Amino acid sequence: MAAGYFPKSVKLGPRLVAWVEEEVEQWIADKISKRDVGSDQIVKSASGVDKA
């Protein structure tokens, strides 16, 4: 899977495709990891309390 691109689908029929669950989960984990890199910024919660 190319960096940043959603996993390829698997053709199951003329009008039916699916995705490998593990590949989709890995894609999600990669997105979260990239989001969290450098996230040393302070985030305010809904209650207004600062969180690191």
C-alpha atoms as a PDB file:
ATOM      1  CA  MET A   1       0.000   0.000   0.000  1.00  0.00           C
ATOM      2  CA  ALA A   2       1.419   3.368  -1.013  1.00  0.00           C
ATOM      3  CA  ALA A   3       2.038   5.815   1.812  1.00  0.00           C
ATOM      4  CA  GLY A   4      -1.093   7.819   2.571  1.00  0.00           C
ATOM      5  CA  TYR A   5      -3.385   5.905   0.237  1.00  0.00           C
ATOM      6  CA  PHE A   6      -6.316   3.751   1.226  1.00  0.00           C
ATOM      7  CA  PRO A   7      -5.720  -0.006   0.791  1.00  0.00           C
ATOM      8  CA  LYS A   8      -6.695  -1.635  -2.487  1.00  0.00           C
ATOM      9  CA  SER A   9     -10.069  -3.291  -2.693  1.00  0.00           C
ATOM     10  CA  VAL A  10     -10.599  -6.965  -3.477  1.00  0.00           C
ATOM     11  CA  LYS A  11     -13.106  -7.642  -6.261  1.00  0.00           C
ATOM     12  CA  LEU A  12     -15.658 -10.240  -5.159  1.00  0.00           C
ATOM     13  CA  GLY A  13     -18.045  -9.929  -8.084  1.00  0.00           C
ATOM     14  CA  PRO A  14     -19.054  -7.689 -10.993  1.00  0.00           C
ATOM     15  CA  ARG A  15     -20.402  -5.001  -8.641  1.00  0.00           C
ATOM     16  CA  LEU A  16     -19.030  -6.071  -5.273  1.00  0.00           C
ATOM     17  CA  VAL A  17     -15.739  -5.174  -3.607  1.00  0.00           C
ATOM     18  CA  ALA A  18     -14.336  -5.592  -0.107  1.00  0.00           C
ATOM     19  CA  TRP A  19     -11.210  -4.643   1.814  1.00  0.00           C
ATOM     20  CA  VAL A  20      -8.883  -6.703   3.982  1.00  0.00           C
ATOM     21  CA  GLU A  21      -9.706  -5.706   7.561  1.00  0.00           C
ATOM     22  CA  GLU A  22      -6.085  -5.816   8.746  1.00  0.00           C
ATOM     23  CA  GLU A  23      -4.993  -3.492   5.908  1.00  0.00           C
ATOM     24  CA  VAL A  24      -7.721  -0.978   6.745  1.00  0.00           C
ATOM     25  CA  GLU A  25      -6.859  -1.126  10.454  1.00  0.00           C
ATOM     26  CA  GLN A  26      -3.169  -0.575   9.641  1.00  0.00           C
ATOM     27  CA  TRP A  27      -4.091   2.388   7.416  1.00  0.00           C
ATOM     28  CA  ILE A  28      -6.074   3.895  10.308  1.00  0.00           C
ATOM     29  CA  ALA A  29      -3.211   3.288  12.761  1.00  0.00           C
ATOM     30  CA  ASP A  30      -0.772   4.963  10.350  1.00  0.00           C
ATOM     31  CA  LYS A  31      -3.056   8.006  10.066  1.00  0.00           C
ATOM     32  CA  ILE A  32      -3.306   8.264  13.861  1.00  0.00           C
ATOM     33  CA  SER A  33       0.471   7.940  14.261  1.00  0.00           C
ATOM     34  CA  LYS A  34       1.087  10.725  11.752  1.00  0.00           C
ATOM     35  CA  ARG A  35      -1.524  12.896  13.471  1.00  0.00           C
ATOM     36  CA  ASP A  36       0.097  12.368  16.863  1.00  0.00           C
ATOM     37  CA  VAL A  37       3.647  13.166  15.696  1.00  0.00           C
ATOM     38  CA  GLY A  38       4.526  16.575  17.075  1.00  0.00           C
ATOM     39  CA  SER A  39       1.301  16.846  19.013  1.00  0.00           C
ATOM     40  CA  ASP A  40       3.029  18.459  21.960  1.00  0.00           C
ATOM     41  CA  GLN A  41       0.559  21.314  21.706  1.00  0.00           C
ATOM     42  CA  ILE A  42      -1.809  21.906  24.584  1.00  0.00           C
ATOM     43  CA  VAL A  43      -5.351  20.836  23.824  1.00  0.00           C
ATOM     44  CA  LYS A  44      -8.314  22.287  25.637  1.00  0.00           C
ATOM     45  CA  SER A  45     -11.020  19.849  26.651  1.00  0.00           C
ATOM     46  CA  ALA A  46     -14.691  20.680  26.461  1.00  0.00           C
ATOM     47  CA  SER A  47     -14.576  21.666  30.138  1.00  0.00           C
ATOM     48  CA  GLY A  48     -11.866  24.233  29.444  1.00  0.00           C
ATOM     49  CA  VAL A  49      -9.166  22.367  31.388  1.00  0.00           C
ATOM     50  CA  ASP A  50      -5.757  22.304  29.690  1.00  0.00           C
ATOM     51  CA  LYS A  51      -4.443  18.873  28.769  1.00  0.00           C
ATOM     52  CA  ALA A  52      -0.949  18.010  27.542  1.00  0.00           C
END
